N, C-alpha and C. Protein backbone atom coordinates (compact mmCIF):
# COMPACT_ATOMS: atom_id res chain seq x y z
N MET A 1 -18.80 -2.98 8.55
CA MET A 1 -18.31 -3.51 9.81
C MET A 1 -17.38 -4.70 9.52
N ALA A 2 -16.30 -4.73 10.24
CA ALA A 2 -15.31 -5.79 10.05
C ALA A 2 -15.93 -7.16 10.32
N ARG A 3 -15.42 -8.13 9.61
CA ARG A 3 -15.96 -9.49 9.72
C ARG A 3 -15.40 -10.28 10.89
N ILE A 4 -14.28 -9.84 11.44
CA ILE A 4 -13.75 -10.48 12.64
C ILE A 4 -13.49 -9.39 13.67
N THR A 5 -13.32 -9.81 14.90
CA THR A 5 -13.22 -8.88 16.03
C THR A 5 -11.89 -8.12 16.02
N TYR A 6 -11.97 -6.84 16.31
CA TYR A 6 -10.77 -6.04 16.51
C TYR A 6 -10.18 -6.40 17.87
N VAL A 7 -8.89 -6.57 17.92
CA VAL A 7 -8.18 -6.82 19.17
C VAL A 7 -7.83 -5.46 19.76
N GLU A 8 -8.39 -5.17 20.91
CA GLU A 8 -8.15 -3.88 21.57
C GLU A 8 -7.03 -4.04 22.59
N GLU A 9 -6.15 -3.08 22.61
CA GLU A 9 -4.99 -3.12 23.49
C GLU A 9 -5.38 -3.33 24.94
N ARG A 10 -6.38 -2.62 25.41
CA ARG A 10 -6.78 -2.69 26.82
C ARG A 10 -7.25 -4.08 27.24
N ASP A 11 -7.71 -4.87 26.27
CA ASP A 11 -8.24 -6.20 26.56
C ASP A 11 -7.21 -7.31 26.43
N HIS A 12 -6.01 -6.96 25.96
CA HIS A 12 -5.00 -7.98 25.68
C HIS A 12 -3.62 -7.57 26.17
N PRO A 13 -3.42 -7.53 27.49
CA PRO A 13 -2.11 -7.17 28.01
C PRO A 13 -1.02 -8.16 27.59
N GLU A 14 -1.41 -9.39 27.27
CA GLU A 14 -0.42 -10.38 26.82
C GLU A 14 0.18 -10.03 25.46
N LEU A 15 -0.41 -9.08 24.75
CA LEU A 15 0.10 -8.64 23.45
C LEU A 15 0.86 -7.32 23.53
N ALA A 16 1.26 -6.94 24.74
CA ALA A 16 1.93 -5.64 24.93
C ALA A 16 3.18 -5.50 24.06
N GLU A 17 3.97 -6.54 23.95
CA GLU A 17 5.20 -6.46 23.16
C GLU A 17 4.88 -6.24 21.67
N GLU A 18 3.94 -7.01 21.15
CA GLU A 18 3.56 -6.87 19.74
C GLU A 18 2.94 -5.50 19.48
N ILE A 19 2.06 -5.07 20.37
CA ILE A 19 1.41 -3.77 20.21
C ILE A 19 2.44 -2.65 20.28
N GLY A 20 3.42 -2.79 21.16
CA GLY A 20 4.49 -1.80 21.24
C GLY A 20 5.27 -1.70 19.94
N LYS A 21 5.55 -2.83 19.30
CA LYS A 21 6.25 -2.83 18.01
C LYS A 21 5.40 -2.19 16.92
N ILE A 22 4.12 -2.47 16.93
CA ILE A 22 3.23 -1.86 15.94
C ILE A 22 3.19 -0.36 16.14
N LYS A 23 3.05 0.08 17.37
CA LYS A 23 3.03 1.52 17.65
C LYS A 23 4.35 2.17 17.23
N GLY A 24 5.45 1.49 17.47
CA GLY A 24 6.76 2.02 17.10
C GLY A 24 6.93 2.13 15.60
N GLY A 25 6.36 1.19 14.87
CA GLY A 25 6.49 1.19 13.42
C GLY A 25 5.42 1.98 12.70
N ARG A 26 4.29 2.24 13.37
CA ARG A 26 3.16 2.90 12.72
C ARG A 26 2.71 4.17 13.44
N GLY A 27 3.14 4.36 14.68
CA GLY A 27 2.69 5.52 15.43
C GLY A 27 1.41 5.25 16.22
N GLY A 28 0.75 4.17 15.94
CA GLY A 28 -0.48 3.79 16.61
C GLY A 28 -0.92 2.44 16.10
N VAL A 29 -2.03 1.97 16.59
CA VAL A 29 -2.55 0.68 16.15
C VAL A 29 -3.80 0.94 15.32
N ILE A 30 -3.64 0.89 14.00
CA ILE A 30 -4.77 1.13 13.10
C ILE A 30 -5.58 -0.16 12.95
N ASN A 31 -6.74 -0.04 12.37
CA ASN A 31 -7.68 -1.15 12.33
C ASN A 31 -7.13 -2.42 11.70
N ILE A 32 -6.36 -2.32 10.64
CA ILE A 32 -5.85 -3.55 10.04
C ILE A 32 -5.00 -4.33 11.05
N TYR A 33 -4.22 -3.63 11.85
CA TYR A 33 -3.42 -4.34 12.86
C TYR A 33 -4.28 -4.88 13.98
N LYS A 34 -5.36 -4.19 14.31
CA LYS A 34 -6.28 -4.71 15.33
C LYS A 34 -6.89 -6.03 14.87
N LEU A 35 -7.13 -6.17 13.57
CA LEU A 35 -7.62 -7.45 13.05
C LEU A 35 -6.50 -8.48 13.00
N LEU A 36 -5.34 -8.07 12.49
CA LEU A 36 -4.22 -8.99 12.35
C LEU A 36 -3.75 -9.54 13.69
N LEU A 37 -3.95 -8.77 14.75
CA LEU A 37 -3.51 -9.24 16.07
C LEU A 37 -4.29 -10.46 16.56
N ASN A 38 -5.33 -10.86 15.84
CA ASN A 38 -5.96 -12.15 16.14
C ASN A 38 -4.97 -13.28 15.91
N SER A 39 -3.92 -13.01 15.13
CA SER A 39 -2.80 -13.94 14.95
C SER A 39 -1.52 -13.12 15.08
N PRO A 40 -0.98 -13.01 16.28
CA PRO A 40 0.20 -12.17 16.49
C PRO A 40 1.36 -12.45 15.53
N PRO A 41 1.67 -13.71 15.19
CA PRO A 41 2.77 -13.92 14.23
C PRO A 41 2.47 -13.31 12.86
N VAL A 42 1.22 -13.39 12.42
CA VAL A 42 0.85 -12.79 11.14
C VAL A 42 0.95 -11.27 11.23
N ALA A 43 0.50 -10.70 12.32
CA ALA A 43 0.58 -9.25 12.50
C ALA A 43 2.02 -8.76 12.45
N MET A 44 2.90 -9.49 13.12
CA MET A 44 4.32 -9.06 13.14
C MET A 44 4.98 -9.25 11.77
N SER A 45 4.62 -10.30 11.08
CA SER A 45 5.16 -10.53 9.74
C SER A 45 4.68 -9.44 8.79
N TRP A 46 3.41 -9.09 8.86
CA TRP A 46 2.82 -8.04 8.03
C TRP A 46 3.53 -6.72 8.30
N LEU A 47 3.73 -6.40 9.58
CA LEU A 47 4.40 -5.15 9.95
C LEU A 47 5.80 -5.09 9.37
N GLN A 48 6.57 -6.16 9.57
CA GLN A 48 7.95 -6.16 9.08
C GLN A 48 7.99 -6.06 7.56
N HIS A 49 7.16 -6.82 6.90
CA HIS A 49 7.16 -6.78 5.43
C HIS A 49 6.71 -5.41 4.92
N SER A 50 5.64 -4.88 5.49
CA SER A 50 5.13 -3.57 5.06
C SER A 50 6.17 -2.48 5.27
N ASN A 51 6.81 -2.49 6.41
CA ASN A 51 7.84 -1.47 6.67
C ASN A 51 9.02 -1.61 5.72
N THR A 52 9.40 -2.84 5.43
CA THR A 52 10.52 -3.06 4.50
C THR A 52 10.16 -2.60 3.10
N ILE A 53 9.00 -2.98 2.62
CA ILE A 53 8.64 -2.67 1.24
C ILE A 53 8.31 -1.19 1.08
N ARG A 54 7.87 -0.53 2.13
CA ARG A 54 7.56 0.89 2.03
C ARG A 54 8.78 1.77 2.25
N TRP A 55 9.63 1.42 3.22
CA TRP A 55 10.72 2.33 3.56
C TRP A 55 12.11 1.75 3.37
N GLY A 56 12.21 0.48 3.08
CA GLY A 56 13.53 -0.14 2.98
C GLY A 56 13.98 -0.44 1.56
N THR A 57 13.32 0.16 0.59
CA THR A 57 13.68 -0.11 -0.81
C THR A 57 14.36 1.11 -1.41
N SER A 58 14.84 0.94 -2.62
CA SER A 58 15.48 2.05 -3.33
C SER A 58 14.48 2.86 -4.15
N LEU A 59 13.21 2.49 -4.13
CA LEU A 59 12.19 3.25 -4.86
C LEU A 59 11.98 4.60 -4.19
N SER A 60 11.69 5.61 -4.99
CA SER A 60 11.43 6.92 -4.40
C SER A 60 10.10 6.88 -3.65
N PRO A 61 9.99 7.65 -2.58
CA PRO A 61 8.71 7.70 -1.86
C PRO A 61 7.56 8.13 -2.77
N ARG A 62 7.82 9.05 -3.68
CA ARG A 62 6.77 9.51 -4.60
C ARG A 62 6.28 8.35 -5.47
N LEU A 63 7.20 7.61 -6.09
CA LEU A 63 6.80 6.50 -6.94
C LEU A 63 6.04 5.45 -6.13
N ARG A 64 6.56 5.15 -4.97
CA ARG A 64 5.90 4.17 -4.10
C ARG A 64 4.45 4.56 -3.84
N GLU A 65 4.22 5.80 -3.49
CA GLU A 65 2.85 6.24 -3.17
C GLU A 65 1.97 6.30 -4.41
N LEU A 66 2.51 6.71 -5.56
CA LEU A 66 1.72 6.70 -6.79
C LEU A 66 1.18 5.29 -7.06
N VAL A 67 2.05 4.31 -6.92
CA VAL A 67 1.67 2.92 -7.19
C VAL A 67 0.66 2.42 -6.15
N ILE A 68 0.91 2.71 -4.89
CA ILE A 68 0.00 2.25 -3.82
C ILE A 68 -1.39 2.87 -4.02
N ILE A 69 -1.45 4.14 -4.33
CA ILE A 69 -2.74 4.81 -4.51
C ILE A 69 -3.45 4.26 -5.75
N ARG A 70 -2.70 4.04 -6.82
CA ARG A 70 -3.31 3.48 -8.03
C ARG A 70 -3.93 2.12 -7.72
N ILE A 71 -3.24 1.28 -6.99
CA ILE A 71 -3.78 -0.03 -6.64
C ILE A 71 -5.03 0.12 -5.79
N ALA A 72 -4.99 0.98 -4.79
CA ALA A 72 -6.15 1.18 -3.92
C ALA A 72 -7.35 1.69 -4.72
N GLN A 73 -7.10 2.60 -5.67
CA GLN A 73 -8.20 3.08 -6.50
C GLN A 73 -8.79 1.96 -7.34
N SER A 74 -7.93 1.08 -7.83
CA SER A 74 -8.41 -0.03 -8.65
C SER A 74 -9.33 -0.96 -7.86
N PHE A 75 -9.07 -1.09 -6.58
CA PHE A 75 -9.92 -1.92 -5.73
C PHE A 75 -11.16 -1.16 -5.25
N ARG A 76 -11.17 0.14 -5.47
CA ARG A 76 -12.30 0.98 -5.05
C ARG A 76 -12.63 0.76 -3.57
N TYR A 77 -11.57 0.80 -2.75
CA TYR A 77 -11.77 0.57 -1.34
C TYR A 77 -11.20 1.74 -0.56
N ALA A 78 -12.02 2.37 0.22
CA ALA A 78 -11.65 3.61 0.88
C ALA A 78 -10.58 3.45 1.95
N TYR A 79 -10.47 2.27 2.57
CA TYR A 79 -9.55 2.13 3.69
C TYR A 79 -8.12 2.46 3.29
N ALA A 80 -7.62 1.85 2.24
CA ALA A 80 -6.24 2.10 1.82
C ALA A 80 -6.05 3.55 1.36
N LEU A 81 -7.03 4.07 0.66
CA LEU A 81 -6.93 5.47 0.22
C LEU A 81 -6.91 6.41 1.41
N GLN A 82 -7.75 6.14 2.40
CA GLN A 82 -7.80 6.98 3.59
C GLN A 82 -6.46 6.97 4.33
N GLN A 83 -5.80 5.84 4.33
CA GLN A 83 -4.51 5.75 5.01
C GLN A 83 -3.40 6.46 4.25
N HIS A 84 -3.41 6.37 2.94
CA HIS A 84 -2.28 6.87 2.17
C HIS A 84 -2.42 8.31 1.68
N VAL A 85 -3.57 8.71 1.18
CA VAL A 85 -3.65 10.05 0.58
C VAL A 85 -3.38 11.13 1.62
N PRO A 86 -4.12 11.21 2.71
CA PRO A 86 -3.83 12.33 3.62
C PRO A 86 -2.60 12.12 4.49
N ASN A 87 -2.27 10.87 4.79
CA ASN A 87 -1.24 10.60 5.79
C ASN A 87 0.16 10.43 5.22
N ILE A 88 0.28 9.95 3.99
CA ILE A 88 1.60 9.61 3.47
C ILE A 88 1.89 10.27 2.13
N ALA A 89 1.00 10.11 1.17
CA ALA A 89 1.28 10.55 -0.21
C ALA A 89 1.59 12.05 -0.29
N LEU A 90 0.81 12.87 0.35
CA LEU A 90 1.03 14.31 0.27
C LEU A 90 2.40 14.68 0.83
N ALA A 91 2.80 14.02 1.90
CA ALA A 91 4.12 14.27 2.49
C ALA A 91 5.25 13.76 1.60
N ASP A 92 4.94 12.79 0.74
CA ASP A 92 5.96 12.19 -0.12
C ASP A 92 5.97 12.78 -1.53
N GLY A 93 5.35 13.93 -1.70
CA GLY A 93 5.47 14.65 -2.96
C GLY A 93 4.42 14.38 -4.01
N VAL A 94 3.31 13.76 -3.63
CA VAL A 94 2.21 13.52 -4.56
C VAL A 94 1.08 14.48 -4.18
N SER A 95 0.71 15.35 -5.10
CA SER A 95 -0.34 16.32 -4.81
C SER A 95 -1.71 15.64 -4.81
N LEU A 96 -2.67 16.30 -4.20
CA LEU A 96 -4.04 15.79 -4.20
C LEU A 96 -4.56 15.69 -5.63
N GLU A 97 -4.23 16.65 -6.46
CA GLU A 97 -4.63 16.62 -7.87
C GLU A 97 -4.04 15.38 -8.57
N GLU A 98 -2.80 15.07 -8.28
CA GLU A 98 -2.18 13.87 -8.87
C GLU A 98 -2.84 12.60 -8.35
N CYS A 99 -3.17 12.57 -7.06
CA CYS A 99 -3.87 11.40 -6.51
C CYS A 99 -5.18 11.18 -7.26
N GLU A 100 -5.91 12.24 -7.49
CA GLU A 100 -7.18 12.14 -8.22
C GLU A 100 -6.95 11.73 -9.68
N ALA A 101 -5.89 12.25 -10.29
CA ALA A 101 -5.59 11.96 -11.70
C ALA A 101 -5.18 10.51 -11.92
N LEU A 102 -4.76 9.82 -10.87
CA LEU A 102 -4.34 8.42 -11.02
C LEU A 102 -5.48 7.52 -11.48
N VAL A 103 -6.72 7.92 -11.24
CA VAL A 103 -7.87 7.12 -11.68
C VAL A 103 -7.79 6.88 -13.19
N ASP A 104 -7.39 7.91 -13.94
CA ASP A 104 -7.24 7.81 -15.40
C ASP A 104 -5.89 8.40 -15.79
N TRP A 105 -4.81 7.85 -15.26
CA TRP A 105 -3.47 8.42 -15.39
C TRP A 105 -3.01 8.53 -16.84
N ARG A 106 -3.50 7.67 -17.72
CA ARG A 106 -3.08 7.73 -19.13
C ARG A 106 -3.58 8.99 -19.82
N ALA A 107 -4.65 9.58 -19.31
CA ALA A 107 -5.27 10.74 -19.94
C ALA A 107 -4.73 12.07 -19.39
N THR A 108 -3.73 12.02 -18.52
CA THR A 108 -3.20 13.24 -17.92
C THR A 108 -1.74 13.43 -18.32
N ASN A 109 -1.23 14.60 -18.01
CA ASN A 109 0.19 14.87 -18.23
C ASN A 109 0.91 15.07 -16.90
N HIS A 110 0.36 14.52 -15.84
CA HIS A 110 0.92 14.72 -14.49
C HIS A 110 2.17 13.88 -14.21
N PHE A 111 2.38 12.81 -14.95
CA PHE A 111 3.38 11.84 -14.55
C PHE A 111 4.49 11.72 -15.58
N SER A 112 5.71 11.48 -15.08
CA SER A 112 6.87 11.32 -15.95
C SER A 112 6.77 10.01 -16.73
N GLU A 113 7.63 9.86 -17.72
CA GLU A 113 7.65 8.61 -18.50
C GLU A 113 8.00 7.42 -17.60
N ALA A 114 8.92 7.61 -16.68
CA ALA A 114 9.29 6.53 -15.75
C ALA A 114 8.09 6.16 -14.87
N GLU A 115 7.39 7.15 -14.36
CA GLU A 115 6.20 6.88 -13.54
C GLU A 115 5.13 6.18 -14.36
N ARG A 116 4.95 6.60 -15.60
CA ARG A 116 3.96 5.97 -16.49
C ARG A 116 4.30 4.51 -16.73
N ALA A 117 5.58 4.21 -16.92
CA ALA A 117 5.99 2.81 -17.12
C ALA A 117 5.66 1.99 -15.88
N ALA A 118 5.90 2.54 -14.69
CA ALA A 118 5.60 1.84 -13.44
C ALA A 118 4.09 1.68 -13.26
N LEU A 119 3.32 2.70 -13.60
CA LEU A 119 1.86 2.61 -13.46
C LEU A 119 1.28 1.59 -14.45
N ALA A 120 1.81 1.55 -15.66
CA ALA A 120 1.36 0.55 -16.64
C ALA A 120 1.67 -0.86 -16.13
N TYR A 121 2.83 -1.01 -15.53
CA TYR A 121 3.23 -2.30 -14.97
C TYR A 121 2.29 -2.69 -13.83
N ALA A 122 2.00 -1.76 -12.94
CA ALA A 122 1.07 -2.03 -11.83
C ALA A 122 -0.30 -2.43 -12.38
N ASP A 123 -0.78 -1.70 -13.38
CA ASP A 123 -2.08 -2.04 -13.98
C ASP A 123 -2.06 -3.43 -14.59
N ALA A 124 -0.97 -3.80 -15.25
CA ALA A 124 -0.87 -5.13 -15.84
C ALA A 124 -0.88 -6.21 -14.77
N MET A 125 -0.18 -5.96 -13.67
CA MET A 125 -0.18 -6.93 -12.56
C MET A 125 -1.57 -7.04 -11.94
N LEU A 126 -2.29 -5.93 -11.88
CA LEU A 126 -3.66 -5.96 -11.36
C LEU A 126 -4.59 -6.76 -12.27
N ALA A 127 -4.35 -6.68 -13.58
CA ALA A 127 -5.22 -7.33 -14.55
C ALA A 127 -5.07 -8.85 -14.54
N GLY A 128 -3.91 -9.34 -14.20
CA GLY A 128 -3.71 -10.78 -14.19
C GLY A 128 -2.26 -11.11 -13.89
N PRO A 129 -1.97 -12.35 -13.69
CA PRO A 129 -0.61 -12.71 -13.29
C PRO A 129 0.43 -12.55 -14.39
N GLU A 130 0.02 -12.59 -15.65
CA GLU A 130 0.97 -12.49 -16.76
C GLU A 130 1.11 -11.04 -17.21
N VAL A 131 2.33 -10.52 -17.16
CA VAL A 131 2.60 -9.15 -17.62
C VAL A 131 3.17 -9.24 -19.04
N PRO A 132 2.52 -8.61 -20.01
CA PRO A 132 3.03 -8.67 -21.38
C PRO A 132 4.41 -8.01 -21.51
N ASP A 133 5.21 -8.54 -22.43
CA ASP A 133 6.55 -7.99 -22.67
C ASP A 133 6.50 -6.51 -23.01
N GLU A 134 5.48 -6.09 -23.76
CA GLU A 134 5.40 -4.68 -24.16
C GLU A 134 5.12 -3.75 -22.97
N VAL A 135 4.68 -4.29 -21.87
CA VAL A 135 4.52 -3.51 -20.64
C VAL A 135 5.79 -3.61 -19.80
N PHE A 136 6.38 -4.80 -19.75
CA PHE A 136 7.57 -5.00 -18.91
C PHE A 136 8.80 -4.29 -19.47
N GLU A 137 9.03 -4.40 -20.76
CA GLU A 137 10.27 -3.88 -21.37
C GLU A 137 10.51 -2.39 -21.11
N PRO A 138 9.50 -1.52 -21.16
CA PRO A 138 9.77 -0.10 -20.87
C PRO A 138 10.35 0.16 -19.47
N LEU A 139 10.08 -0.72 -18.53
CA LEU A 139 10.65 -0.56 -17.19
C LEU A 139 12.17 -0.55 -17.24
N ARG A 140 12.74 -1.38 -18.12
CA ARG A 140 14.20 -1.50 -18.21
C ARG A 140 14.88 -0.18 -18.59
N GLY A 141 14.16 0.67 -19.28
CA GLY A 141 14.73 1.96 -19.65
C GLY A 141 14.74 2.98 -18.52
N HIS A 142 14.02 2.68 -17.48
CA HIS A 142 13.88 3.64 -16.37
C HIS A 142 14.37 3.12 -15.02
N TYR A 143 14.37 1.81 -14.86
CA TYR A 143 14.67 1.23 -13.55
C TYR A 143 15.69 0.11 -13.70
N ASN A 144 16.56 0.00 -12.70
CA ASN A 144 17.53 -1.10 -12.69
C ASN A 144 16.84 -2.36 -12.17
N GLU A 145 17.55 -3.47 -12.17
CA GLU A 145 16.93 -4.74 -11.77
C GLU A 145 16.44 -4.74 -10.33
N ARG A 146 17.20 -4.12 -9.45
CA ARG A 146 16.75 -4.04 -8.06
C ARG A 146 15.42 -3.28 -7.98
N GLU A 147 15.35 -2.15 -8.67
CA GLU A 147 14.12 -1.35 -8.63
C GLU A 147 12.94 -2.10 -9.26
N VAL A 148 13.17 -2.83 -10.34
CA VAL A 148 12.10 -3.61 -10.96
C VAL A 148 11.60 -4.67 -9.98
N LEU A 149 12.52 -5.35 -9.33
CA LEU A 149 12.14 -6.35 -8.33
C LEU A 149 11.34 -5.70 -7.20
N GLU A 150 11.85 -4.60 -6.67
CA GLU A 150 11.17 -3.93 -5.55
C GLU A 150 9.80 -3.41 -5.97
N LEU A 151 9.69 -2.89 -7.19
CA LEU A 151 8.40 -2.43 -7.70
C LEU A 151 7.43 -3.61 -7.81
N THR A 152 7.91 -4.72 -8.31
CA THR A 152 7.07 -5.91 -8.46
C THR A 152 6.55 -6.39 -7.11
N VAL A 153 7.42 -6.44 -6.11
CA VAL A 153 7.00 -6.89 -4.78
C VAL A 153 6.08 -5.85 -4.14
N LEU A 154 6.34 -4.56 -4.36
CA LEU A 154 5.44 -3.52 -3.85
C LEU A 154 4.04 -3.70 -4.41
N VAL A 155 3.94 -3.87 -5.73
CA VAL A 155 2.62 -4.06 -6.35
C VAL A 155 1.95 -5.31 -5.79
N GLY A 156 2.66 -6.42 -5.74
CA GLY A 156 2.09 -7.65 -5.21
C GLY A 156 1.64 -7.50 -3.76
N THR A 157 2.43 -6.81 -2.98
CA THR A 157 2.10 -6.58 -1.57
C THR A 157 0.81 -5.79 -1.43
N TYR A 158 0.68 -4.72 -2.19
CA TYR A 158 -0.50 -3.88 -2.04
C TYR A 158 -1.73 -4.46 -2.71
N ILE A 159 -1.56 -5.35 -3.68
CA ILE A 159 -2.70 -6.12 -4.17
C ILE A 159 -3.19 -7.02 -3.03
N MET A 160 -2.25 -7.70 -2.36
CA MET A 160 -2.62 -8.53 -1.22
C MET A 160 -3.29 -7.70 -0.13
N HIS A 161 -2.69 -6.57 0.22
CA HIS A 161 -3.27 -5.73 1.27
C HIS A 161 -4.73 -5.41 0.96
N ASN A 162 -4.97 -4.93 -0.25
CA ASN A 162 -6.33 -4.53 -0.60
C ASN A 162 -7.29 -5.71 -0.64
N ARG A 163 -6.81 -6.87 -1.03
CA ARG A 163 -7.68 -8.06 -1.00
C ARG A 163 -8.03 -8.43 0.45
N VAL A 164 -7.06 -8.35 1.33
CA VAL A 164 -7.31 -8.64 2.75
C VAL A 164 -8.25 -7.58 3.33
N PHE A 165 -8.01 -6.30 3.05
CA PHE A 165 -8.87 -5.23 3.56
C PHE A 165 -10.32 -5.48 3.16
N ARG A 166 -10.53 -5.81 1.89
CA ARG A 166 -11.90 -6.02 1.39
C ARG A 166 -12.51 -7.29 1.96
N ALA A 167 -11.76 -8.39 1.96
CA ALA A 167 -12.32 -9.66 2.45
C ALA A 167 -12.76 -9.56 3.90
N LEU A 168 -11.98 -8.84 4.70
CA LEU A 168 -12.30 -8.70 6.12
C LEU A 168 -13.14 -7.47 6.43
N ARG A 169 -13.38 -6.65 5.40
CA ARG A 169 -14.18 -5.42 5.53
C ARG A 169 -13.65 -4.52 6.64
N VAL A 170 -12.37 -4.22 6.53
CA VAL A 170 -11.73 -3.34 7.52
C VAL A 170 -12.42 -1.98 7.49
N ASP A 171 -12.81 -1.51 8.66
CA ASP A 171 -13.49 -0.21 8.78
C ASP A 171 -12.49 0.92 8.63
N ASN A 172 -12.95 2.03 8.05
CA ASN A 172 -12.12 3.23 8.00
C ASN A 172 -11.77 3.66 9.42
N GLU A 173 -10.63 4.30 9.53
CA GLU A 173 -10.21 4.83 10.82
C GLU A 173 -11.09 6.02 11.18
N PRO A 174 -11.31 6.23 12.48
CA PRO A 174 -12.05 7.43 12.89
C PRO A 174 -11.31 8.67 12.44
N ARG A 175 -12.05 9.67 12.05
CA ARG A 175 -11.44 10.95 11.65
C ARG A 175 -10.78 11.61 12.84
N ARG A 176 -9.60 12.16 12.59
CA ARG A 176 -8.89 12.86 13.67
C ARG A 176 -9.40 14.29 13.75
N ALA A 177 -9.54 14.76 14.96
CA ALA A 177 -10.05 16.12 15.17
C ALA A 177 -9.00 17.15 14.89
């Protein structure tokens, strides 16, 4: 159960504008936004940043989802996985088998060398703030500076997301019929 109250649309007509923007950017108001709406400026900032880092970068949708799923698996938190695996990753070219293989991606042959370099980088960022040169340097062979920057911010963003999800104990979304 979430640690703070979910803001329900029906109870907060004063948030109609913010809720409309969330619905426009997400298709609905999922639980993380119901929590974030306890601070409308934070909710709107989160929405804008998330939309930019997910859809406004030069990273491929497939790479983006591989990295997001890997981070969510590392946190062992179902909320992020529930949002991305069935709703986004499959549509962006990541198979269910590949999603499962990300748990031990080094032991599989599912991923390209470029994807492996990005996954190693994400793992290094998850392990601590300092990324060793031997992990960073392979990125240069596969990604330009813009892509390295965008990948770095993507990883940092989803580390933050998963920390917030866990700290607030965001509940999984109800299953759709």
